Amino acid sequence: MRVIIITGSSDGIGAEMARQLAKAEGANLALVLAARNEEMLGKVAAECAALGAQTLVLKTDVSVQEQCKQLVAATIQRFGRLDALVNNAGRSAHALFEDVQDLGWYEDLMRINLWGSVWCTHAALPYLKQSKGSIVAVSSLAGLIGVPGRTAYNATKFAMTGFFEGLRAELKPAGVSVTTAYPGVVATQIRYKGYNAEGKALGSSSLKEDHAMSVEECASLIIKGMNQRKREVVMSAKGKLGRFLKLIVPGLVEDMALAALKDDVKPR
């Protein structure tokens, strides 16, 4: 039986990954579902259990290190092993840097997106080495290309990229794979719940979402990358092109990033 922890699994990409994994593996799978919203986690767990998977729901705030430790400890106590950790929990943000008066929420965002992944990974590492398992870090194209209006979010995702890139090399001799996923715009509510300049919920998306990837496709690509133990999963052709063009015509990539913003949130 494969045991997988998925953080941020109460909705969006994390919840869809849980459902797809349960459908594919059924009784051969134990899913540990972690997020702050216990009620929504329970609904996802019920869907996965109906597909045959064992489930464990753990209310977890990854911005608190002790809760990350407790998440892994409870997993081992219940199932005795850990085969994969999916660091999916995160929060978005959009604000022009000059409009931010109190930078405290920049630190809060780093604690959720970066440190939550670091703390969970650190707690899980001894057990993943035992199973020669897998680590997945759900980053963003904003972790490869700086997006205007998203300086805080960029910083957290670039930090994830660097951390997991170095960790991948460290864990190679131990047989633990590290897969970093770089979704672009995905049809979830994450941007609506992100921070605005005042550190409050945005309530709307700042990005053009006409061609947003479905959450089902995004989750499927991440699962495929994890199962094939890929180093990276860059989701879209546009993302792959932008990463390449950044090396030779960075100014063009900046213009492309600006063009992805809605007109009412572009820099003045």
C-alpha atoms as a PDB file:
ATOM      1  CA  MET A   1       0.000   0.000   0.000  1.00  0.00           C
ATOM      2  CA  ARG A   2       1.294   3.440  -0.959  1.00  0.00           C
ATOM      3  CA  VAL A   3       0.954   6.203   1.653  1.00  0.00           C
ATOM      4  CA  ILE A   4       0.805   9.798   0.375  1.00  0.00           C
ATOM      5  CA  ILE A   5       0.468  13.092   2.253  1.00  0.00           C
ATOM      6  CA  ILE A   6      -1.091  15.958   0.295  1.00  0.00           C
ATOM      7  CA  THR A   7      -1.071  19.382   1.926  1.00  0.00           C
ATOM      8  CA  GLY A   8      -3.611  21.967   0.834  1.00  0.00           C
ATOM      9  CA  SER A   9      -5.970  19.175  -0.196  1.00  0.00           C
ATOM     10  CA  SER A  10      -9.307  20.664   0.869  1.00  0.00           C
ATOM     11  CA  ASP A  11      -9.953  22.040  -2.623  1.00  0.00           C
ATOM     12  CA  GLY A  12      -8.304  22.972  -5.917  1.00  0.00           C
ATOM     13  CA  ILE A  13      -5.270  21.071  -7.189  1.00  0.00           C
ATOM     14  CA  GLY A  14      -4.665  19.142  -3.969  1.00  0.00           C
ATOM     15  CA  ALA A  15      -8.224  17.834  -3.734  1.00  0.00           C
ATOM     16  CA  GLU A  16      -8.233  16.841  -7.396  1.00  0.00           C
ATOM     17  CA  MET A  17      -4.920  15.011  -7.024  1.00  0.00           C
ATOM     18  CA  ALA A  18      -6.427  13.059  -4.125  1.00  0.00           C
ATOM     19  CA  ARG A  19      -9.477  12.071  -6.168  1.00  0.00           C
ATOM     20  CA  GLN A  20      -7.435  11.017  -9.191  1.00  0.00           C
ATOM     21  CA  LEU A  21      -4.993   9.000  -7.085  1.00  0.00           C
ATOM     22  CA  ALA A  22      -7.864   7.283  -5.269  1.00  0.00           C
ATOM     23  CA  LYS A  23      -9.547   6.424  -8.561  1.00  0.00           C
ATOM     24  CA  ALA A  24      -6.312   4.981  -9.985  1.00  0.00           C
ATOM     25  CA  GLU A  25      -5.073   3.055  -6.938  1.00  0.00           C
ATOM     26  CA  GLY A  26      -8.148   2.336  -4.811  1.00  0.00           C
ATOM     27  CA  ALA A  27      -7.485  -0.036  -1.921  1.00  0.00           C
ATOM     28  CA  ASN A  28      -3.735   0.065  -2.607  1.00  0.00           C
ATOM     29  CA  LEU A  29      -3.606   3.683  -1.454  1.00  0.00           C
ATOM     30  CA  ALA A  30      -3.703   5.548   1.846  1.00  0.00           C
ATOM     31  CA  LEU A  31      -4.220   9.299   1.541  1.00  0.00           C
ATOM     32  CA  VAL A  32      -3.379  11.725   4.319  1.00  0.00           C
ATOM     33  CA  LEU A  33      -5.301  14.913   3.588  1.00  0.00           C
ATOM     34  CA  ALA A  34      -4.091  18.078   5.280  1.00  0.00           C
ATOM     35  CA  ALA A  35      -5.392  21.658   5.226  1.00  0.00           C
ATOM     36  CA  ARG A  36      -6.909  24.230   7.560  1.00  0.00           C
ATOM     37  CA  ASN A  37     -10.552  23.605   6.575  1.00  0.00           C
ATOM     38  CA  GLU A  38     -11.473  20.334   8.262  1.00  0.00           C
ATOM     39  CA  GLU A  39     -15.034  20.288   6.907  1.00  0.00           C
ATOM     40  CA  MET A  40     -13.908  20.542   3.280  1.00  0.00           C
ATOM     41  CA  LEU A  41     -11.194  17.949   3.915  1.00  0.00           C
ATOM     42  CA  GLY A  42     -13.863  15.581   5.187  1.00  0.00           C
ATOM     43  CA  LYS A  43     -15.816  15.905   1.938  1.00  0.00           C
ATOM     44  CA  VAL A  44     -12.727  15.150  -0.157  1.00  0.00           C
ATOM     45  CA  ALA A  45     -11.885  12.204   2.100  1.00  0.00           C
ATOM     46  CA  ALA A  46     -15.388  10.792   1.654  1.00  0.00           C
ATOM     47  CA  GLU A  47     -15.038  10.980  -2.139  1.00  0.00           C
ATOM     48  CA  CYS A  48     -11.689   9.183  -1.981  1.00  0.00           C
ATOM     49  CA  ALA A  49     -12.970   6.546   0.440  1.00  0.00           C
ATOM     50  CA  ALA A  50     -15.852   5.829  -1.937  1.00  0.00           C
ATOM     51  CA  LEU A  51     -13.199   4.995  -4.544  1.00  0.00           C
ATOM     52  CA  GLY A  52     -11.596   2.481  -2.194  1.00  0.00           C
ATOM     53  CA  ALA A  53      -8.717   4.457  -0.695  1.00  0.00           C
ATOM     54  CA  GLN A  54      -7.969   4.631   3.013  1.00  0.00           C
ATOM     55  CA  THR A  55      -7.989   8.204   4.281  1.00  0.00           C
ATOM     56  CA  LEU A  56      -6.784  10.211   7.246  1.00  0.00           C
ATOM     57  CA  VAL A  57      -7.914  13.822   7.679  1.00  0.00           C
ATOM     58  CA  LEU A  58      -5.591  16.099   9.643  1.00  0.00           C
ATOM     59  CA  LYS A  59      -6.387  19.760  10.181  1.00  0.00           C
ATOM     60  CA  THR A  60      -3.035  21.428   9.541  1.00  0.00           C
ATOM     61  CA  ASP A  61      -1.717  24.962   9.185  1.00  0.00           C
ATOM     62  CA  VAL A  62       1.618  24.511   7.414  1.00  0.00           C
ATOM     63  CA  SER A  63       2.741  27.986   8.497  1.00  0.00           C
ATOM     64  CA  VAL A  64       3.213  26.506  11.988  1.00  0.00           C
ATOM     65  CA  GLN A  65       6.229  24.205  12.184  1.00  0.00           C
ATOM     66  CA  GLU A  66       4.890  22.112  15.055  1.00  0.00           C
ATOM     67  CA  GLN A  67       1.761  21.284  13.058  1.00  0.00           C
ATOM     68  CA  CYS A  68       3.933  20.107  10.147  1.00  0.00           C
ATOM     69  CA  LYS A  69       5.755  17.770  12.537  1.00  0.00           C
ATOM     70  CA  GLN A  70       2.462  16.511  13.950  1.00  0.00           C
ATOM     71  CA  LEU A  71       1.158  15.846  10.420  1.00  0.00           C
ATOM     72  CA  VAL A  72       4.020  13.471   9.665  1.00  0.00           C
ATOM     73  CA  ALA A  73       3.996  11.880  13.125  1.00  0.00           C
ATOM     74  CA  ALA A  74       0.270  11.105  12.873  1.00  0.00           C
ATOM     75  CA  THR A  75       0.797   9.599   9.421  1.00  0.00           C
ATOM     76  CA  ILE A  76       3.500   7.252  10.671  1.00  0.00           C
ATOM     77  CA  GLN A  77       1.490   6.336  13.758  1.00  0.00           C
ATOM     78  CA  ARG A  78      -1.517   5.376  11.597  1.00  0.00           C
ATOM     79  CA  PHE A  79       0.134   3.751   8.574  1.00  0.00           C
ATOM     80  CA  GLY A  80       3.711   3.001   9.641  1.00  0.00           C
ATOM     81  CA  ARG A  81       5.303   4.359   6.465  1.00  0.00           C
ATOM     82  CA  LEU A  82       5.362   7.259   4.006  1.00  0.00           C
ATOM     83  CA  ASP A  83       5.919   6.963   0.264  1.00  0.00           C
ATOM     84  CA  ALA A  84       5.245  10.449  -1.040  1.00  0.00           C
ATOM     85  CA  LEU A  85       4.825  13.990   0.235  1.00  0.00           C
ATOM     86  CA  VAL A  86       3.017  16.496  -1.972  1.00  0.00           C
ATOM     87  CA  ASN A  87       3.774  20.047  -0.821  1.00  0.00           C
ATOM     88  CA  ASN A  88       0.747  21.721  -2.374  1.00  0.00           C
ATOM     89  CA  ALA A  89      -0.473  24.109   0.331  1.00  0.00           C
ATOM     90  CA  GLY A  90      -0.022  27.725  -0.643  1.00  0.00           C
ATOM     91  CA  ARG A  91      -1.517  31.155  -0.939  1.00  0.00           C
ATOM     92  CA  SER A  92      -1.465  33.676  -3.772  1.00  0.00           C
ATOM     93  CA  ALA A  93      -1.020  37.451  -3.744  1.00  0.00           C
ATOM     94  CA  HIS A  94      -1.206  40.432  -6.077  1.00  0.00           C
ATOM     95  CA  ALA A  95      -0.093  43.943  -5.231  1.00  0.00           C
ATOM     96  CA  LEU A  96       2.142  46.548  -6.771  1.00  0.00           C
ATOM     97  CA  PHE A  97       5.110  46.879  -4.432  1.00  0.00           C
ATOM     98  CA  GLU A  98       4.735  50.661  -4.164  1.00  0.00           C
ATOM     99  CA  ASP A  99       1.153  50.219  -2.904  1.00  0.00           C
ATOM    100  CA  VAL A 100       2.138  48.002   0.031  1.00  0.00           C
ATOM    101  CA  GLN A 101       2.350  49.912   3.317  1.00  0.00           C
ATOM    102  CA  ASP A 102       2.886  47.043   5.762  1.00  0.00           C
ATOM    103  CA  LEU A 103       5.219  44.286   4.554  1.00  0.00           C
ATOM    104  CA  GLY A 104       4.179  41.939   7.344  1.00  0.00           C
ATOM    105  CA  TRP A 105       2.017  39.862   5.019  1.00  0.00           C
ATOM    106  CA  TYR A 106       5.035  39.322   2.738  1.00  0.00           C
ATOM    107  CA  GLU A 107       6.569  37.432   5.649  1.00  0.00           C
ATOM    108  CA  ASP A 108       3.312  35.550   6.266  1.00  0.00           C
ATOM    109  CA  LEU A 109       3.200  34.460   2.618  1.00  0.00           C
ATOM    110  CA  MET A 110       6.782  33.196   2.787  1.00  0.00           C
ATOM    111  CA  ARG A 111       5.919  31.234   5.924  1.00  0.00           C
ATOM    112  CA  ILE A 112       3.026  29.487   4.114  1.00  0.00           C
ATOM    113  CA  ASN A 113       4.514  28.876   0.669  1.00  0.00           C
ATOM    114  CA  LEU A 114       8.178  28.271   1.437  1.00  0.00           C
ATOM    115  CA  TRP A 115       8.523  27.372   5.087  1.00  0.00           C
ATOM    116  CA  GLY A 116       5.442  25.149   5.104  1.00  0.00           C
ATOM    117  CA  SER A 117       7.064  23.056   2.377  1.00  0.00           C
ATOM    118  CA  VAL A 118      10.460  23.083   4.097  1.00  0.00           C
ATOM    119  CA  TRP A 119       9.055  22.084   7.494  1.00  0.00           C
ATOM    120  CA  CYS A 120       6.880  19.280   6.118  1.00  0.00           C
ATOM    121  CA  THR A 121       9.752  17.960   4.024  1.00  0.00           C
ATOM    122  CA  HIS A 122      12.178  18.034   6.947  1.00  0.00           C
ATOM    123  CA  ALA A 123       9.776  16.084   9.157  1.00  0.00           C
ATOM    124  CA  ALA A 124       9.024  13.543   6.407  1.00  0.00           C
ATOM    125  CA  LEU A 125      12.570  13.009   5.166  1.00  0.00           C
ATOM    126  CA  PRO A 126      13.672  10.073   7.374  1.00  0.00           C
ATOM    127  CA  TYR A 127      10.611   8.056   6.319  1.00  0.00           C
ATOM    128  CA  LEU A 128      10.914   8.977   2.642  1.00  0.00           C
ATOM    129  CA  LYS A 129      14.520   7.793   2.702  1.00  0.00           C
ATOM    130  CA  GLN A 130      13.360   4.481   4.157  1.00  0.00           C
ATOM    131  CA  SER A 131      10.844   3.988   1.336  1.00  0.00           C
ATOM    132  CA  LYS A 132      12.999   5.629  -1.365  1.00  0.00           C
ATOM    133  CA  GLY A 133       9.926   7.718  -1.929  1.00  0.00           C
ATOM    134  CA  SER A 134       8.989  10.938  -3.654  1.00  0.00           C
ATOM    135  CA  ILE A 135       8.725  14.613  -2.802  1.00  0.00           C
ATOM    136  CA  VAL A 136       6.568  16.919  -4.889  1.00  0.00           C
ATOM    137  CA  ALA A 137       6.759  20.699  -4.641  1.00  0.00           C
ATOM    138  CA  VAL A 138       3.907  22.567  -6.324  1.00  0.00           C
ATOM    139  CA  SER A 139       5.543  25.824  -7.312  1.00  0.00           C
ATOM    140  CA  SER A 140       4.338  28.118 -10.133  1.00  0.00           C
ATOM    141  CA  LEU A 141       5.546  29.677 -13.362  1.00  0.00           C
ATOM    142  CA  ALA A 142       6.025  32.653 -11.034  1.00  0.00           C
ATOM    143  CA  GLY A 143       8.868  30.573  -9.591  1.00  0.00           C
ATOM    144  CA  LEU A 144      10.641  30.686 -12.960  1.00  0.00           C
ATOM    145  CA  ILE A 145       9.630  34.064 -14.384  1.00  0.00           C
ATOM    146  CA  GLY A 146       9.046  37.167 -12.262  1.00  0.00           C
ATOM    147  CA  VAL A 147       5.474  38.355 -12.790  1.00  0.00           C
ATOM    148  CA  PRO A 148       4.759  42.100 -12.272  1.00  0.00           C
ATOM    149  CA  GLY A 149       2.408  42.805  -9.410  1.00  0.00           C
ATOM    150  CA  ARG A 150       3.374  39.538  -7.741  1.00  0.00           C
ATOM    151  CA  THR A 151       6.693  40.377  -6.096  1.00  0.00           C
ATOM    152  CA  ALA A 152       5.763  38.629  -2.834  1.00  0.00           C
ATOM    153  CA  TYR A 153       4.395  35.535  -4.570  1.00  0.00           C
ATOM    154  CA  ASN A 154       7.359  35.405  -6.967  1.00  0.00           C
ATOM    155  CA  ALA A 155       9.756  35.511  -4.028  1.00  0.00           C
ATOM    156  CA  THR A 156       8.120  32.550  -2.292  1.00  0.00           C
ATOM    157  CA  LYS A 157       8.013  30.453  -5.454  1.00  0.00           C
ATOM    158  CA  PHE A 158      11.572  31.302  -6.588  1.00  0.00           C
ATOM    159  CA  ALA A 159      12.675  30.314  -3.086  1.00  0.00           C
ATOM    160  CA  MET A 160      10.870  26.973  -3.439  1.00  0.00           C
ATOM    161  CA  THR A 161      12.571  26.420  -6.790  1.00  0.00           C
ATOM    162  CA  GLY A 162      16.028  26.958  -5.324  1.00  0.00           C
ATOM    163  CA  PHE A 163      15.399  24.932  -2.189  1.00  0.00           C
ATOM    164  CA  PHE A 164      14.039  21.868  -3.959  1.00  0.00           C
ATOM    165  CA  GLU A 165      16.625  22.043  -6.739  1.00  0.00           C
ATOM    166  CA  GLY A 166      19.407  21.811  -4.165  1.00  0.00           C
ATOM    167  CA  LEU A 167      17.561  19.165  -2.171  1.00  0.00           C
ATOM    168  CA  ARG A 168      17.104  17.048  -5.307  1.00  0.00           C
ATOM    169  CA  ALA A 169      20.856  16.761  -5.708  1.00  0.00           C
ATOM    170  CA  GLU A 170      21.347  16.027  -2.007  1.00  0.00           C
ATOM    171  CA  LEU A 171      18.817  13.180  -2.064  1.00  0.00           C
ATOM    172  CA  LYS A 172      19.922  11.574  -5.312  1.00  0.00           C
ATOM    173  CA  PRO A 173      22.236   9.055  -3.554  1.00  0.00           C
ATOM    174  CA  ALA A 174      19.388   8.116  -1.184  1.00  0.00           C
ATOM    175  CA  GLY A 175      17.021   7.272  -4.036  1.00  0.00           C
ATOM    176  CA  VAL A 176      14.425   9.905  -3.109  1.00  0.00           C
ATOM    177  CA  SER A 177      12.978  11.748  -6.100  1.00  0.00           C
ATOM    178  CA  VAL A 178      12.133  15.458  -6.002  1.00  0.00           C
ATOM    179  CA  THR A 179       9.641  16.749  -8.561  1.00  0.00           C
ATOM    180  CA  THR A 180       8.930  20.473  -8.851  1.00  0.00           C
ATOM    181  CA  ALA A 181       5.730  21.379 -10.668  1.00  0.00           C
ATOM    182  CA  TYR A 182       5.246  24.769 -12.326  1.00  0.00           C
ATOM    183  CA  PRO A 183       1.550  25.381 -13.070  1.00  0.00           C
ATOM    184  CA  GLY A 184       0.541  28.502 -14.948  1.00  0.00           C
ATOM    185  CA  VAL A 185      -2.968  29.911 -14.637  1.00  0.00           C
ATOM    186  CA  VAL A 186      -5.215  27.091 -13.409  1.00  0.00           C
ATOM    187  CA  ALA A 187      -8.994  27.325 -12.974  1.00  0.00           C
ATOM    188  CA  THR A 188      -9.022  27.363  -9.167  1.00  0.00           C
ATOM    189  CA  GLN A 189      -9.968  29.957  -6.543  1.00  0.00           C
ATOM    190  CA  ILE A 190      -6.410  30.479  -5.245  1.00  0.00           C
ATOM    191  CA  ARG A 191      -5.995  33.949  -6.758  1.00  0.00           C
ATOM    192  CA  TYR A 192      -9.352  35.106  -5.380  1.00  0.00           C
ATOM    193  CA  LYS A 193      -8.253  34.207  -1.849  1.00  0.00           C
ATOM    194  CA  GLY A 194      -4.771  35.723  -2.141  1.00  0.00           C
ATOM    195  CA  TYR A 195      -3.446  38.823  -0.412  1.00  0.00           C
ATOM    196  CA  ASN A 196      -4.014  42.330  -1.769  1.00  0.00           C
ATOM    197  CA  ALA A 197      -1.844  45.370  -0.989  1.00  0.00           C
ATOM    198  CA  GLU A 198      -3.457  45.699   2.451  1.00  0.00           C
ATOM    199  CA  GLY A 199      -2.906  42.045   3.272  1.00  0.00           C
ATOM    200  CA  LYS A 200      -6.611  41.197   2.865  1.00  0.00           C
ATOM    201  CA  ALA A 201      -8.309  38.753   0.509  1.00  0.00           C
ATOM    202  CA  LEU A 202      -8.279  39.906  -3.122  1.00  0.00           C
ATOM    203  CA  GLY A 203     -11.763  38.678  -3.968  1.00  0.00           C
ATOM    204  CA  SER A 204     -10.914  38.568  -7.677  1.00  0.00           C
ATOM    205  CA  SER A 205      -8.131  37.465  -9.993  1.00  0.00           C
ATOM    206  CA  SER A 206      -5.615  39.936 -11.370  1.00  0.00           C
ATOM    207  CA  LEU A 207      -4.708  37.641 -14.287  1.00  0.00           C
ATOM    208  CA  LYS A 208      -6.451  37.035 -17.584  1.00  0.00           C
ATOM    209  CA  GLU A 209      -7.981  33.587 -17.260  1.00  0.00           C
ATOM    210  CA  ASP A 210      -9.496  33.019 -20.703  1.00  0.00           C
ATOM    211  CA  HIS A 211      -7.176  30.077 -21.357  1.00  0.00           C
ATOM    212  CA  ALA A 212      -6.776  28.777 -17.817  1.00  0.00           C
ATOM    213  CA  MET A 213      -5.804  25.120 -17.539  1.00  0.00           C
ATOM    214  CA  SER A 214      -8.426  22.878 -15.960  1.00  0.00           C
ATOM    215  CA  VAL A 215      -7.678  21.672 -12.455  1.00  0.00           C
ATOM    216  CA  GLU A 216      -8.176  18.106 -13.697  1.00  0.00           C
ATOM    217  CA  GLU A 217      -5.417  18.425 -16.315  1.00  0.00           C
ATOM    218  CA  CYS A 218      -3.060  20.147 -13.885  1.00  0.00           C
ATOM    219  CA  ALA A 219      -3.514  17.461 -11.227  1.00  0.00           C
ATOM    220  CA  SER A 220      -3.025  14.718 -13.807  1.00  0.00           C
ATOM    221  CA  LEU A 221       0.249  16.236 -15.017  1.00  0.00           C
ATOM    222  CA  ILE A 222       1.608  16.526 -11.473  1.00  0.00           C
ATOM    223  CA  ILE A 223       0.671  12.922 -10.642  1.00  0.00           C
ATOM    224  CA  LYS A 224       2.314  11.723 -13.846  1.00  0.00           C
ATOM    225  CA  GLY A 225       5.464  13.668 -12.981  1.00  0.00           C
ATOM    226  CA  MET A 226       5.525  12.216  -9.473  1.00  0.00           C
ATOM    227  CA  ASN A 227       4.962   8.646 -10.637  1.00  0.00           C
ATOM    228  CA  GLN A 228       7.635   8.951 -13.328  1.00  0.00           C
ATOM    229  CA  ARG A 229       9.958  10.633 -10.801  1.00  0.00           C
ATOM    230  CA  LYS A 230      10.547  13.572 -13.111  1.00  0.00           C
ATOM    231  CA  ARG A 231      12.738  16.451 -12.014  1.00  0.00           C
ATOM    232  CA  GLU A 232      10.334  19.133 -13.224  1.00  0.00           C
ATOM    233  CA  VAL A 233       6.867  19.515 -14.702  1.00  0.00           C
ATOM    234  CA  VAL A 234       6.448  22.733 -16.680  1.00  0.00           C
ATOM    235  CA  MET A 235       2.790  22.680 -17.576  1.00  0.00           C
ATOM    236  CA  SER A 236       2.157  24.697 -20.702  1.00  0.00           C
ATOM    237  CA  ALA A 237       3.788  25.412 -24.042  1.00  0.00           C
ATOM    238  CA  LYS A 238       3.713  29.108 -23.166  1.00  0.00           C
ATOM    239  CA  GLY A 239       5.511  28.399 -19.910  1.00  0.00           C
ATOM    240  CA  LYS A 240       8.189  26.347 -21.631  1.00  0.00           C
ATOM    241  CA  LEU A 241       8.627  29.033 -24.300  1.00  0.00           C
ATOM    242  CA  GLY A 242       8.839  31.813 -21.730  1.00  0.00           C
ATOM    243  CA  ARG A 243      11.498  29.964 -19.770  1.00  0.00           C
ATOM    244  CA  PHE A 244      13.615  29.574 -22.920  1.00  0.00           C
ATOM    245  CA  LEU A 245      13.083  33.142 -24.145  1.00  0.00           C
ATOM    246  CA  LYS A 246      14.088  34.522 -20.746  1.00  0.00           C
ATOM    247  CA  LEU A 247      17.638  33.367 -21.475  1.00  0.00           C
ATOM    248  CA  ILE A 248      17.930  35.211 -24.794  1.00  0.00           C
ATOM    249  CA  VAL A 249      15.332  38.016 -24.879  1.00  0.00           C
ATOM    250  CA  PRO A 250      14.399  38.784 -21.258  1.00  0.00           C
ATOM    251  CA  GLY A 251      12.791  42.089 -22.187  1.00  0.00           C
ATOM    252  CA  LEU A 252      10.265  40.283 -24.371  1.00  0.00           C
ATOM    253  CA  VAL A 253       9.378  37.953 -21.514  1.00  0.00           C
ATOM    254  CA  GLU A 254       8.758  40.964 -19.260  1.00  0.00           C
ATOM    255  CA  ASP A 255       6.372  42.357 -21.872  1.00  0.00           C
ATOM    256  CA  MET A 256       4.613  38.975 -22.062  1.00  0.00           C
ATOM    257  CA  ALA A 257       4.231  38.966 -18.277  1.00  0.00           C
ATOM    258  CA  LEU A 258       2.755  42.469 -18.300  1.00  0.00           C
ATOM    259  CA  ALA A 259       0.340  41.445 -21.043  1.00  0.00           C
ATOM    260  CA  ALA A 260      -0.987  38.638 -18.838  1.00  0.00           C
ATOM    261  CA  LEU A 261      -2.321  41.185 -16.316  1.00  0.00           C
ATOM    262  CA  LYS A 262      -5.765  42.680 -16.496  1.00  0.00           C
ATOM    263  CA  ASP A 263      -5.676  46.322 -17.575  1.00  0.00           C
ATOM    264  CA  ASP A 264      -7.010  47.664 -14.267  1.00  0.00           C
ATOM    265  CA  VAL A 265      -4.134  46.170 -12.245  1.00  0.00           C
ATOM    266  CA  LYS A 266      -1.211  47.000 -14.513  1.00  0.00           C
ATOM    267  CA  PRO A 267       1.569  49.247 -13.178  1.00  0.00           C
ATOM    268  CA  ARG A 268       0.823  52.926 -13.611  1.00  0.00           C
END
